């Protein structure tokens, strides 16, 4: 089911994949360079409903409008705030999640919106090659249970670069920022996606 939602940043779109006897809603937004067709978002949308988690794939207004460049972070946050009533309207706890820029939005707004938890996929800890420009404060400030899923070769931050904090982290060996793994890796692309979905299934079960 596809739902459009009007926000102060423009029209957003939610694609619902509902679970039978749902106990949680997992809201997932895309990054600044792509949409909900991202391999990790699609894998979670296929798997999580079978584990009692309704998945809401959220397209930010700039993406719905056909623009190729994401707006400023504050505008992304405005769009996320605008879709939150639709996400929380099912009277179930909502996990606020996303990949890359979407993960940053989820972290920045979690406490304000009353998120049950945060799922941060490919959290961009810093711009590539610029570790001194850390965004760790956003992650550490989420204020709710948080799971980071990070590629082992993500140029925006490898798992070993992440600071200590009260969050869980799942590493996808050899994965880049989009969780793509090279053909020479000891795991296949399918196995990489299974690491992501299995990790999120286990973590979400611990939240119930």
N, C-alpha and C. Protein backbone atom coordinates (compact mmCIF):
# COMPACT_ATOMS: atom_id res chain seq x y z
N UNK A 1 0.84 -1.19 0.00
CA UNK A 1 0.00 0.00 0.00
C UNK A 1 0.88 1.25 0.00
N UNK A 2 0.55 2.20 -0.85
CA UNK A 2 1.31 3.44 -0.94
C UNK A 2 0.45 4.60 -0.43
N UNK A 3 1.03 5.39 0.44
CA UNK A 3 0.34 6.52 1.06
C UNK A 3 1.16 7.78 0.83
N UNK A 4 0.50 8.85 0.42
CA UNK A 4 1.18 10.14 0.32
C UNK A 4 0.85 10.97 1.55
N UNK A 5 1.83 11.72 2.01
CA UNK A 5 1.69 12.52 3.23
C UNK A 5 2.21 13.92 2.94
N UNK A 6 1.41 14.92 3.28
CA UNK A 6 1.84 16.31 3.11
C UNK A 6 2.64 16.75 4.34
N UNK A 7 3.82 17.29 4.09
CA UNK A 7 4.66 17.81 5.17
C UNK A 7 5.03 19.26 4.86
N UNK A 8 5.63 19.93 5.83
CA UNK A 8 6.08 21.30 5.61
C UNK A 8 7.24 21.39 4.63
N UNK A 9 7.81 20.24 4.27
CA UNK A 9 8.90 20.21 3.29
C UNK A 9 8.41 19.73 1.92
N UNK A 10 7.10 19.45 1.82
CA UNK A 10 6.55 18.95 0.56
C UNK A 10 5.88 17.60 0.76
N UNK A 11 5.50 16.98 -0.34
CA UNK A 11 4.79 15.71 -0.30
C UNK A 11 5.76 14.54 -0.15
N UNK A 12 5.55 13.74 0.88
CA UNK A 12 6.34 12.53 1.09
C UNK A 12 5.49 11.32 0.69
N UNK A 13 6.15 10.18 0.59
CA UNK A 13 5.44 8.97 0.18
C UNK A 13 5.88 7.79 1.05
N UNK A 14 4.93 7.02 1.49
CA UNK A 14 5.21 5.84 2.33
C UNK A 14 4.71 4.59 1.61
N UNK A 15 5.58 3.62 1.44
CA UNK A 15 5.20 2.31 0.94
C UNK A 15 5.13 1.35 2.12
N UNK A 16 3.94 0.85 2.40
CA UNK A 16 3.71 -0.01 3.56
C UNK A 16 3.84 -1.48 3.18
N UNK A 17 4.56 -2.24 3.99
CA UNK A 17 4.62 -3.70 3.87
C UNK A 17 4.26 -4.24 5.24
N UNK A 18 3.01 -4.63 5.36
CA UNK A 18 2.45 -4.89 6.68
C UNK A 18 2.61 -6.35 7.11
N UNK A 19 2.88 -6.50 8.41
CA UNK A 19 2.98 -7.82 9.01
C UNK A 19 1.65 -8.24 9.60
N UNK A 20 1.38 -9.52 9.58
CA UNK A 20 0.23 -10.02 10.32
C UNK A 20 0.60 -10.03 11.80
N UNK A 21 -0.32 -9.59 12.63
CA UNK A 21 -0.08 -9.51 14.07
C UNK A 21 1.20 -8.72 14.36
N UNK A 22 1.28 -7.55 13.77
CA UNK A 22 2.47 -6.71 13.94
C UNK A 22 2.64 -6.28 15.39
N UNK A 23 3.89 -6.22 15.82
CA UNK A 23 4.20 -5.75 17.17
C UNK A 23 5.03 -4.47 17.14
N UNK A 24 5.62 -4.18 15.96
CA UNK A 24 6.46 -3.00 15.79
C UNK A 24 6.26 -2.45 14.38
N UNK A 25 6.56 -1.17 14.23
CA UNK A 25 6.68 -0.56 12.91
C UNK A 25 8.13 -0.14 12.72
N UNK A 26 8.73 -0.51 11.59
CA UNK A 26 10.08 -0.07 11.26
C UNK A 26 9.97 0.90 10.09
N UNK A 27 10.25 2.17 10.35
CA UNK A 27 10.22 3.19 9.31
C UNK A 27 11.63 3.38 8.78
N UNK A 28 11.78 3.28 7.46
CA UNK A 28 13.10 3.35 6.83
C UNK A 28 13.10 4.40 5.73
N UNK A 29 14.05 5.32 5.81
CA UNK A 29 14.22 6.30 4.76
C UNK A 29 15.55 6.09 4.06
N UNK A 30 15.66 6.65 2.88
CA UNK A 30 16.82 6.47 2.01
C UNK A 30 17.91 7.49 2.33
N UNK A 31 19.00 7.39 1.58
CA UNK A 31 20.10 8.33 1.75
C UNK A 31 19.98 9.52 0.81
N UNK A 32 21.05 10.30 0.76
CA UNK A 32 21.04 11.52 -0.05
C UNK A 32 21.29 11.25 -1.52
N UNK A 33 21.73 10.04 -1.85
CA UNK A 33 22.06 9.76 -3.24
C UNK A 33 21.24 8.67 -3.89
N UNK A 34 20.16 8.26 -3.24
CA UNK A 34 19.35 7.17 -3.79
C UNK A 34 17.99 7.12 -3.14
N UNK A 35 17.22 6.11 -3.50
CA UNK A 35 15.85 6.00 -2.99
C UNK A 35 15.63 4.70 -2.25
N UNK A 36 14.36 4.32 -2.14
CA UNK A 36 13.99 3.13 -1.37
C UNK A 36 14.32 1.84 -2.11
N UNK A 37 14.87 1.96 -3.32
CA UNK A 37 15.29 0.76 -4.05
C UNK A 37 16.63 0.22 -3.55
N UNK A 38 17.25 0.88 -2.59
CA UNK A 38 18.54 0.43 -2.04
C UNK A 38 18.43 -1.01 -1.56
N UNK A 39 19.50 -1.78 -1.80
CA UNK A 39 19.45 -3.23 -1.54
C UNK A 39 19.15 -3.57 -0.09
N UNK A 40 19.67 -2.79 0.85
CA UNK A 40 19.43 -3.10 2.26
C UNK A 40 17.98 -2.80 2.65
N UNK A 41 17.44 -1.69 2.15
CA UNK A 41 16.05 -1.35 2.47
C UNK A 41 15.10 -2.39 1.89
N UNK A 42 15.36 -2.81 0.67
CA UNK A 42 14.50 -3.80 0.03
C UNK A 42 14.59 -5.16 0.73
N UNK A 43 15.78 -5.54 1.17
CA UNK A 43 15.94 -6.81 1.88
C UNK A 43 15.17 -6.80 3.20
N UNK A 44 15.26 -5.70 3.93
CA UNK A 44 14.52 -5.61 5.19
C UNK A 44 13.01 -5.61 4.95
N UNK A 45 12.58 -4.95 3.88
CA UNK A 45 11.15 -4.92 3.56
C UNK A 45 10.62 -6.31 3.21
N UNK A 46 11.46 -7.16 2.64
CA UNK A 46 11.05 -8.53 2.30
C UNK A 46 10.98 -9.41 3.54
N UNK A 47 11.93 -9.23 4.45
CA UNK A 47 12.10 -10.19 5.55
C UNK A 47 11.35 -9.82 6.82
N UNK A 48 11.38 -8.56 7.21
CA UNK A 48 10.87 -8.18 8.54
C UNK A 48 9.38 -8.43 8.74
N UNK A 49 8.51 -8.23 7.74
CA UNK A 49 7.09 -8.50 7.99
C UNK A 49 6.81 -9.94 8.42
N UNK A 50 7.65 -10.88 8.01
CA UNK A 50 7.50 -12.26 8.44
C UNK A 50 7.88 -12.49 9.89
N UNK A 51 8.41 -11.46 10.53
CA UNK A 51 8.81 -11.54 11.94
C UNK A 51 8.03 -10.56 12.81
N UNK A 52 6.85 -10.20 12.36
CA UNK A 52 5.99 -9.35 13.17
C UNK A 52 6.31 -7.88 13.15
N UNK A 53 7.07 -7.44 12.14
CA UNK A 53 7.45 -6.04 12.04
C UNK A 53 6.92 -5.47 10.73
N UNK A 54 6.01 -4.51 10.83
CA UNK A 54 5.53 -3.81 9.65
C UNK A 54 6.60 -2.82 9.19
N UNK A 55 6.91 -2.82 7.90
CA UNK A 55 7.95 -1.94 7.37
C UNK A 55 7.29 -0.81 6.58
N UNK A 56 7.74 0.40 6.85
CA UNK A 56 7.28 1.58 6.11
C UNK A 56 8.49 2.18 5.40
N UNK A 57 8.54 2.06 4.08
CA UNK A 57 9.62 2.66 3.30
C UNK A 57 9.22 4.09 2.96
N UNK A 58 10.00 5.04 3.45
CA UNK A 58 9.63 6.45 3.35
C UNK A 58 10.50 7.16 2.32
N UNK A 59 9.83 7.82 1.38
CA UNK A 59 10.53 8.65 0.40
C UNK A 59 10.36 10.11 0.81
N UNK A 60 11.49 10.75 1.05
CA UNK A 60 11.48 12.15 1.47
C UNK A 60 10.92 13.04 0.35
N UNK A 61 10.34 14.19 0.71
CA UNK A 61 9.72 15.07 -0.30
C UNK A 61 10.63 15.43 -1.48
N UNK A 62 11.91 15.66 -1.24
CA UNK A 62 12.79 16.03 -2.34
C UNK A 62 12.89 14.91 -3.37
N UNK A 63 12.82 13.67 -2.89
CA UNK A 63 12.90 12.53 -3.79
C UNK A 63 11.59 12.36 -4.57
N UNK A 64 10.47 12.53 -3.87
CA UNK A 64 9.16 12.44 -4.52
C UNK A 64 9.04 13.51 -5.61
N UNK A 65 9.62 14.66 -5.35
CA UNK A 65 9.55 15.77 -6.31
C UNK A 65 10.48 15.58 -7.51
N UNK A 66 11.29 14.53 -7.49
CA UNK A 66 12.16 14.24 -8.62
C UNK A 66 13.49 14.97 -8.60
N UNK A 67 13.82 15.59 -7.48
CA UNK A 67 15.09 16.29 -7.39
C UNK A 67 16.24 15.30 -7.18
N UNK A 68 17.42 15.66 -7.65
CA UNK A 68 18.55 14.75 -7.59
C UNK A 68 19.50 15.03 -6.43
N UNK A 69 19.31 16.15 -5.79
CA UNK A 69 20.19 16.53 -4.68
C UNK A 69 19.36 16.75 -3.43
N UNK A 70 19.78 16.12 -2.33
CA UNK A 70 19.05 16.27 -1.08
C UNK A 70 19.21 17.67 -0.52
N UNK A 71 18.20 18.19 0.18
CA UNK A 71 18.29 19.51 0.79
C UNK A 71 19.10 19.47 2.08
N UNK A 72 19.13 20.60 2.77
CA UNK A 72 19.88 20.72 4.02
C UNK A 72 19.31 19.78 5.09
N UNK A 73 20.15 19.38 6.06
CA UNK A 73 19.67 18.48 7.11
C UNK A 73 18.40 18.95 7.81
N UNK A 74 18.29 20.24 8.07
CA UNK A 74 17.09 20.72 8.78
C UNK A 74 15.82 20.48 7.95
N UNK A 75 15.95 20.53 6.62
CA UNK A 75 14.80 20.28 5.76
C UNK A 75 14.45 18.79 5.77
N UNK A 76 15.46 17.94 5.80
CA UNK A 76 15.22 16.51 5.92
C UNK A 76 14.50 16.20 7.23
N UNK A 77 14.93 16.83 8.31
CA UNK A 77 14.28 16.63 9.60
C UNK A 77 12.83 17.09 9.56
N UNK A 78 12.57 18.20 8.87
CA UNK A 78 11.20 18.71 8.75
C UNK A 78 10.31 17.70 8.04
N UNK A 79 10.82 17.12 6.96
CA UNK A 79 10.06 16.11 6.25
C UNK A 79 9.77 14.90 7.10
N UNK A 80 10.76 14.47 7.90
CA UNK A 80 10.59 13.29 8.77
C UNK A 80 9.55 13.57 9.86
N UNK A 81 9.62 14.75 10.44
CA UNK A 81 8.61 15.11 11.44
C UNK A 81 7.21 15.07 10.83
N UNK A 82 7.10 15.51 9.58
CA UNK A 82 5.80 15.57 8.94
C UNK A 82 5.17 14.23 8.67
N UNK A 83 6.00 13.20 8.45
CA UNK A 83 5.43 11.88 8.18
C UNK A 83 5.22 11.06 9.46
N UNK A 84 5.75 11.55 10.57
CA UNK A 84 5.70 10.75 11.81
C UNK A 84 4.28 10.42 12.26
N UNK A 85 3.32 11.34 12.19
CA UNK A 85 1.96 10.97 12.61
C UNK A 85 1.40 9.78 11.84
N UNK A 86 1.73 9.66 10.56
CA UNK A 86 1.26 8.51 9.79
C UNK A 86 1.94 7.23 10.26
N UNK A 87 3.20 7.33 10.68
CA UNK A 87 3.92 6.15 11.15
C UNK A 87 3.44 5.69 12.51
N UNK A 88 3.14 6.64 13.37
CA UNK A 88 2.73 6.30 14.73
C UNK A 88 1.22 6.07 14.84
N UNK A 89 0.51 6.27 13.75
CA UNK A 89 -0.95 6.15 13.79
C UNK A 89 -1.46 4.74 13.95
N UNK A 90 -0.58 3.74 13.84
CA UNK A 90 -1.01 2.35 13.99
C UNK A 90 -1.01 1.91 15.45
N UNK A 91 -0.69 2.84 16.35
CA UNK A 91 -0.69 2.56 17.80
C UNK A 91 0.29 1.44 18.16
N UNK A 92 1.41 1.39 17.43
CA UNK A 92 2.48 0.44 17.72
C UNK A 92 3.78 1.21 17.93
N UNK A 93 4.72 0.64 18.70
CA UNK A 93 6.02 1.29 18.83
C UNK A 93 6.69 1.43 17.46
N UNK A 94 7.33 2.56 17.22
CA UNK A 94 7.95 2.82 15.93
C UNK A 94 9.47 2.88 16.08
N UNK A 95 10.16 2.05 15.28
CA UNK A 95 11.61 2.15 15.16
C UNK A 95 11.88 3.16 14.05
N UNK A 96 12.61 4.20 14.37
CA UNK A 96 12.96 5.22 13.39
C UNK A 96 14.27 4.82 12.74
N UNK A 97 14.26 4.66 11.42
CA UNK A 97 15.45 4.16 10.76
C UNK A 97 15.68 4.75 9.40
N UNK A 98 16.86 4.46 8.87
CA UNK A 98 17.20 4.92 7.55
C UNK A 98 18.64 4.57 7.24
N UNK A 99 19.02 4.81 5.99
CA UNK A 99 20.40 4.58 5.60
C UNK A 99 21.09 5.91 5.32
N UNK A 100 22.34 6.00 5.71
CA UNK A 100 23.18 7.17 5.45
C UNK A 100 22.54 8.46 5.98
N UNK A 101 22.20 9.40 5.10
CA UNK A 101 21.57 10.64 5.57
C UNK A 101 20.28 10.36 6.32
N UNK A 102 19.56 9.32 5.90
CA UNK A 102 18.33 8.94 6.60
C UNK A 102 18.59 8.46 8.02
N UNK A 103 19.76 7.80 8.22
CA UNK A 103 20.14 7.37 9.56
C UNK A 103 20.43 8.57 10.45
N UNK A 104 21.06 9.60 9.87
CA UNK A 104 21.33 10.81 10.65
C UNK A 104 20.02 11.48 11.08
N UNK A 105 19.06 11.55 10.17
CA UNK A 105 17.76 12.13 10.51
C UNK A 105 17.12 11.36 11.65
N UNK A 106 17.14 10.03 11.56
CA UNK A 106 16.53 9.21 12.60
C UNK A 106 17.16 9.47 13.97
N UNK A 107 18.50 9.58 13.99
CA UNK A 107 19.19 9.84 15.25
C UNK A 107 18.86 11.23 15.80
N UNK A 108 18.85 12.23 14.93
CA UNK A 108 18.64 13.61 15.38
C UNK A 108 17.24 13.83 15.95
N UNK A 109 16.25 13.09 15.46
CA UNK A 109 14.86 13.37 15.83
C UNK A 109 14.24 12.32 16.74
N UNK A 110 14.99 11.29 17.11
CA UNK A 110 14.41 10.15 17.82
C UNK A 110 13.73 10.54 19.13
N UNK A 111 14.44 11.26 19.97
CA UNK A 111 13.89 11.61 21.28
C UNK A 111 12.70 12.55 21.13
N UNK A 112 12.84 13.54 20.27
CA UNK A 112 11.77 14.51 20.04
C UNK A 112 10.48 13.84 19.58
N UNK A 113 10.58 12.86 18.71
CA UNK A 113 9.39 12.24 18.13
C UNK A 113 8.87 11.05 18.94
N UNK A 114 9.63 10.63 19.93
CA UNK A 114 9.18 9.51 20.74
C UNK A 114 9.42 8.16 20.09
N UNK A 115 10.48 8.05 19.30
CA UNK A 115 10.82 6.78 18.66
C UNK A 115 11.13 5.73 19.72
N UNK A 116 10.73 4.50 19.42
CA UNK A 116 11.00 3.38 20.33
C UNK A 116 12.47 2.99 20.29
N UNK A 117 13.09 3.13 19.11
CA UNK A 117 14.48 2.77 18.90
C UNK A 117 14.92 3.37 17.57
N UNK A 118 16.21 3.23 17.26
CA UNK A 118 16.76 3.74 15.99
C UNK A 118 17.55 2.63 15.31
N UNK A 119 17.32 2.49 14.01
CA UNK A 119 18.13 1.61 13.17
C UNK A 119 18.91 2.48 12.20
N UNK A 120 20.24 2.47 12.34
CA UNK A 120 21.11 3.31 11.51
C UNK A 120 21.89 2.42 10.56
N UNK A 121 21.51 2.45 9.29
CA UNK A 121 22.17 1.67 8.25
C UNK A 121 23.21 2.55 7.56
N UNK A 122 24.45 2.07 7.50
CA UNK A 122 25.53 2.84 6.87
C UNK A 122 25.59 4.26 7.41
N UNK A 123 25.67 4.38 8.73
CA UNK A 123 25.73 5.70 9.34
C UNK A 123 26.99 6.43 8.84
N UNK A 124 26.83 7.62 8.25
CA UNK A 124 27.99 8.35 7.72
C UNK A 124 28.74 9.08 8.83
N UNK A 125 29.63 8.34 9.49
CA UNK A 125 30.32 8.88 10.65
C UNK A 125 31.13 10.13 10.31
N UNK A 126 31.63 10.18 9.09
CA UNK A 126 32.38 11.35 8.63
C UNK A 126 32.39 11.33 7.10
N UNK A 127 32.66 12.47 6.46
CA UNK A 127 32.83 12.45 5.01
C UNK A 127 34.05 11.60 4.65
N UNK A 128 34.05 10.95 3.49
CA UNK A 128 35.19 10.12 3.11
C UNK A 128 36.51 10.89 3.16
N UNK A 129 37.49 10.31 3.84
CA UNK A 129 38.81 10.92 3.94
C UNK A 129 38.91 12.06 4.92
N UNK A 130 37.84 12.34 5.66
CA UNK A 130 37.85 13.46 6.60
C UNK A 130 37.35 13.02 7.99
N UNK A 131 38.09 12.11 8.64
CA UNK A 131 37.64 11.61 9.94
C UNK A 131 37.54 12.69 11.00
N UNK A 132 38.22 13.82 10.78
CA UNK A 132 38.15 14.90 11.78
C UNK A 132 36.77 15.56 11.79
N UNK A 133 35.99 15.38 10.74
CA UNK A 133 34.64 15.96 10.69
C UNK A 133 33.62 14.93 11.13
N UNK A 134 33.72 14.55 12.39
CA UNK A 134 32.92 13.45 12.93
C UNK A 134 31.47 13.87 13.20
N UNK A 135 30.57 12.94 12.92
CA UNK A 135 29.15 13.14 13.25
C UNK A 135 28.73 12.21 14.39
N UNK A 136 29.70 11.77 15.17
CA UNK A 136 29.43 10.83 16.25
C UNK A 136 28.40 11.38 17.24
N UNK A 137 28.40 12.70 17.44
CA UNK A 137 27.48 13.28 18.42
C UNK A 137 26.02 12.99 18.07
N UNK A 138 25.71 12.94 16.77
CA UNK A 138 24.33 12.64 16.36
C UNK A 138 23.96 11.22 16.77
N UNK A 139 24.87 10.28 16.50
CA UNK A 139 24.61 8.88 16.86
C UNK A 139 24.51 8.70 18.37
N UNK A 140 25.47 9.26 19.09
CA UNK A 140 25.50 9.09 20.54
C UNK A 140 24.36 9.84 21.23
N UNK A 141 23.78 10.81 20.54
CA UNK A 141 22.70 11.59 21.12
C UNK A 141 21.31 11.08 20.82
N UNK A 142 21.21 9.91 20.18
CA UNK A 142 19.88 9.40 19.79
C UNK A 142 18.96 9.24 21.00
N UNK A 143 19.51 8.77 22.11
CA UNK A 143 18.73 8.70 23.34
C UNK A 143 17.79 7.52 23.47
N UNK A 144 17.83 6.60 22.51
CA UNK A 144 16.98 5.40 22.55
C UNK A 144 17.84 4.21 22.11
N UNK A 145 17.39 2.96 22.33
CA UNK A 145 18.17 1.82 21.86
C UNK A 145 18.48 1.95 20.36
N UNK A 146 19.72 1.74 20.00
CA UNK A 146 20.16 1.98 18.63
C UNK A 146 20.98 0.83 18.11
N UNK A 147 20.71 0.44 16.86
CA UNK A 147 21.52 -0.55 16.17
C UNK A 147 22.14 0.11 14.94
N UNK A 148 23.47 0.01 14.84
CA UNK A 148 24.20 0.46 13.65
C UNK A 148 24.57 -0.77 12.84
N UNK A 149 24.27 -0.74 11.54
CA UNK A 149 24.72 -1.79 10.63
C UNK A 149 25.66 -1.13 9.64
N UNK A 150 26.92 -1.58 9.65
CA UNK A 150 27.97 -0.86 8.92
C UNK A 150 28.81 -1.80 8.08
N UNK A 151 29.12 -1.38 6.86
CA UNK A 151 30.01 -2.15 6.01
C UNK A 151 31.45 -2.07 6.50
N UNK A 152 32.16 -3.18 6.40
CA UNK A 152 33.54 -3.23 6.88
C UNK A 152 34.47 -2.31 6.12
N UNK A 153 34.11 -1.95 4.89
CA UNK A 153 34.93 -1.05 4.07
C UNK A 153 34.18 0.22 3.71
N UNK A 154 33.34 0.68 4.58
CA UNK A 154 32.58 1.90 4.30
C UNK A 154 33.48 3.11 4.42
N UNK A 155 33.69 3.87 3.33
CA UNK A 155 34.57 5.03 3.41
C UNK A 155 34.02 6.16 4.27
N UNK A 156 32.73 6.09 4.61
CA UNK A 156 32.13 7.09 5.49
C UNK A 156 32.31 6.71 6.97
N UNK A 157 33.01 5.64 7.22
CA UNK A 157 33.26 5.21 8.59
C UNK A 157 33.27 3.71 8.71
N UNK A 158 34.44 3.13 8.95
CA UNK A 158 34.52 1.69 9.16
C UNK A 158 34.16 1.38 10.61
N UNK A 159 33.70 0.16 10.89
CA UNK A 159 33.25 -0.16 12.25
C UNK A 159 34.28 0.17 13.33
N UNK A 160 35.56 -0.06 13.05
CA UNK A 160 36.60 0.20 14.05
C UNK A 160 36.73 1.68 14.39
N UNK A 161 36.22 2.54 13.53
CA UNK A 161 36.32 3.98 13.78
C UNK A 161 35.22 4.49 14.71
N UNK A 162 34.20 3.70 14.94
CA UNK A 162 33.08 4.18 15.74
C UNK A 162 33.45 4.27 17.21
N UNK A 163 33.01 5.32 17.88
CA UNK A 163 33.34 5.50 19.29
C UNK A 163 32.56 4.54 20.18
N UNK A 164 33.04 4.33 21.37
CA UNK A 164 32.29 3.55 22.33
C UNK A 164 31.00 4.29 22.69
N UNK A 165 29.94 3.53 22.88
CA UNK A 165 28.67 4.14 23.22
C UNK A 165 27.62 3.07 23.49
N UNK A 166 26.47 3.51 23.93
CA UNK A 166 25.40 2.58 24.30
C UNK A 166 24.54 2.25 23.07
N UNK A 167 25.18 1.60 22.10
CA UNK A 167 24.47 1.15 20.92
C UNK A 167 25.08 -0.19 20.49
N UNK A 168 24.34 -0.93 19.69
CA UNK A 168 24.84 -2.19 19.15
C UNK A 168 25.34 -1.94 17.72
N UNK A 169 26.27 -2.78 17.28
CA UNK A 169 26.81 -2.62 15.93
C UNK A 169 26.97 -3.99 15.27
N UNK A 170 26.45 -4.10 14.07
CA UNK A 170 26.62 -5.29 13.24
C UNK A 170 27.49 -4.91 12.06
N UNK A 171 28.56 -5.66 11.84
CA UNK A 171 29.45 -5.40 10.71
C UNK A 171 29.14 -6.33 9.55
N UNK A 172 29.09 -5.76 8.36
CA UNK A 172 28.95 -6.54 7.13
C UNK A 172 30.35 -6.61 6.51
N UNK A 173 31.03 -7.75 6.62
CA UNK A 173 32.41 -7.83 6.14
C UNK A 173 32.54 -7.42 4.67
N UNK A 174 33.53 -6.59 4.40
CA UNK A 174 33.87 -6.15 3.05
C UNK A 174 32.85 -5.20 2.42
N UNK A 175 31.75 -4.92 3.12
CA UNK A 175 30.70 -4.09 2.54
C UNK A 175 31.12 -2.64 2.40
N UNK A 176 30.70 -2.00 1.30
CA UNK A 176 30.94 -0.58 1.14
C UNK A 176 29.75 0.22 1.69
N UNK A 177 29.63 1.46 1.31
CA UNK A 177 28.56 2.30 1.87
C UNK A 177 27.17 1.81 1.46
N UNK A 178 27.09 1.11 0.34
CA UNK A 178 25.83 0.54 -0.11
C UNK A 178 25.72 -0.95 0.19
N UNK A 179 26.63 -1.46 1.01
CA UNK A 179 26.71 -2.87 1.40
C UNK A 179 27.03 -3.79 0.22
N UNK A 180 27.57 -3.24 -0.85
CA UNK A 180 28.07 -4.08 -1.93
C UNK A 180 29.38 -4.73 -1.49
N UNK A 181 29.55 -6.01 -1.82
CA UNK A 181 30.78 -6.71 -1.49
C UNK A 181 31.48 -7.12 -2.79
N UNK A 182 32.80 -7.06 -2.83
CA UNK A 182 33.51 -7.44 -4.05
C UNK A 182 33.40 -8.94 -4.32
N UNK A 183 33.54 -9.31 -5.57
CA UNK A 183 33.41 -10.72 -5.94
C UNK A 183 34.46 -11.60 -5.29
N UNK A 184 35.59 -11.01 -4.96
CA UNK A 184 36.67 -11.80 -4.34
C UNK A 184 36.45 -12.02 -2.84
N UNK A 185 35.44 -11.40 -2.26
CA UNK A 185 35.19 -11.54 -0.82
C UNK A 185 34.76 -12.96 -0.49
N UNK A 186 34.96 -13.34 0.79
CA UNK A 186 34.59 -14.70 1.18
C UNK A 186 33.10 -14.86 1.44
N UNK A 187 32.35 -13.77 1.34
CA UNK A 187 30.90 -13.86 1.43
C UNK A 187 30.29 -13.34 0.13
N UNK A 188 29.13 -13.88 -0.21
CA UNK A 188 28.42 -13.42 -1.41
C UNK A 188 27.57 -12.21 -1.07
N UNK A 189 27.05 -11.57 -2.12
CA UNK A 189 26.15 -10.44 -1.89
C UNK A 189 24.91 -10.88 -1.13
N UNK A 190 24.40 -12.05 -1.46
CA UNK A 190 23.23 -12.58 -0.76
C UNK A 190 23.52 -12.81 0.72
N UNK A 191 24.70 -13.33 1.02
CA UNK A 191 25.07 -13.55 2.42
C UNK A 191 25.24 -12.23 3.16
N UNK A 192 25.75 -11.23 2.47
CA UNK A 192 25.88 -9.91 3.09
C UNK A 192 24.52 -9.37 3.51
N UNK A 193 23.53 -9.53 2.64
CA UNK A 193 22.19 -9.05 2.96
C UNK A 193 21.58 -9.88 4.10
N UNK A 194 21.92 -11.16 4.16
CA UNK A 194 21.41 -12.00 5.26
C UNK A 194 22.00 -11.55 6.59
N UNK A 195 23.24 -11.11 6.59
CA UNK A 195 23.84 -10.58 7.83
C UNK A 195 23.03 -9.38 8.32
N UNK A 196 22.63 -8.53 7.37
CA UNK A 196 21.84 -7.35 7.73
C UNK A 196 20.49 -7.76 8.28
N UNK A 197 19.76 -8.58 7.52
CA UNK A 197 18.39 -8.93 7.94
C UNK A 197 18.40 -9.75 9.22
N UNK A 198 19.32 -10.70 9.34
CA UNK A 198 19.38 -11.52 10.57
C UNK A 198 19.68 -10.65 11.78
N UNK A 199 20.61 -9.71 11.60
CA UNK A 199 20.95 -8.83 12.71
C UNK A 199 19.79 -7.97 13.15
N UNK A 200 19.05 -7.44 12.20
CA UNK A 200 17.90 -6.59 12.53
C UNK A 200 16.76 -7.41 13.13
N UNK A 201 16.56 -8.62 12.63
CA UNK A 201 15.52 -9.49 13.20
C UNK A 201 15.82 -9.77 14.67
N UNK A 202 17.07 -10.15 14.96
CA UNK A 202 17.42 -10.45 16.36
C UNK A 202 17.28 -9.22 17.25
N UNK A 203 17.77 -8.11 16.77
CA UNK A 203 17.72 -6.87 17.56
C UNK A 203 16.27 -6.44 17.80
N UNK A 204 15.46 -6.48 16.76
CA UNK A 204 14.05 -6.04 16.91
C UNK A 204 13.31 -6.96 17.86
N UNK A 205 13.65 -8.24 17.87
CA UNK A 205 13.01 -9.17 18.82
C UNK A 205 13.35 -8.80 20.25
N UNK A 206 14.54 -8.27 20.48
CA UNK A 206 14.94 -7.90 21.83
C UNK A 206 14.23 -6.65 22.32
N UNK A 207 13.62 -5.91 21.40
CA UNK A 207 12.92 -4.66 21.78
C UNK A 207 11.49 -4.92 22.27
N UNK A 208 10.95 -6.07 21.91
CA UNK A 208 9.53 -6.34 22.19
C UNK A 208 9.29 -6.49 23.68
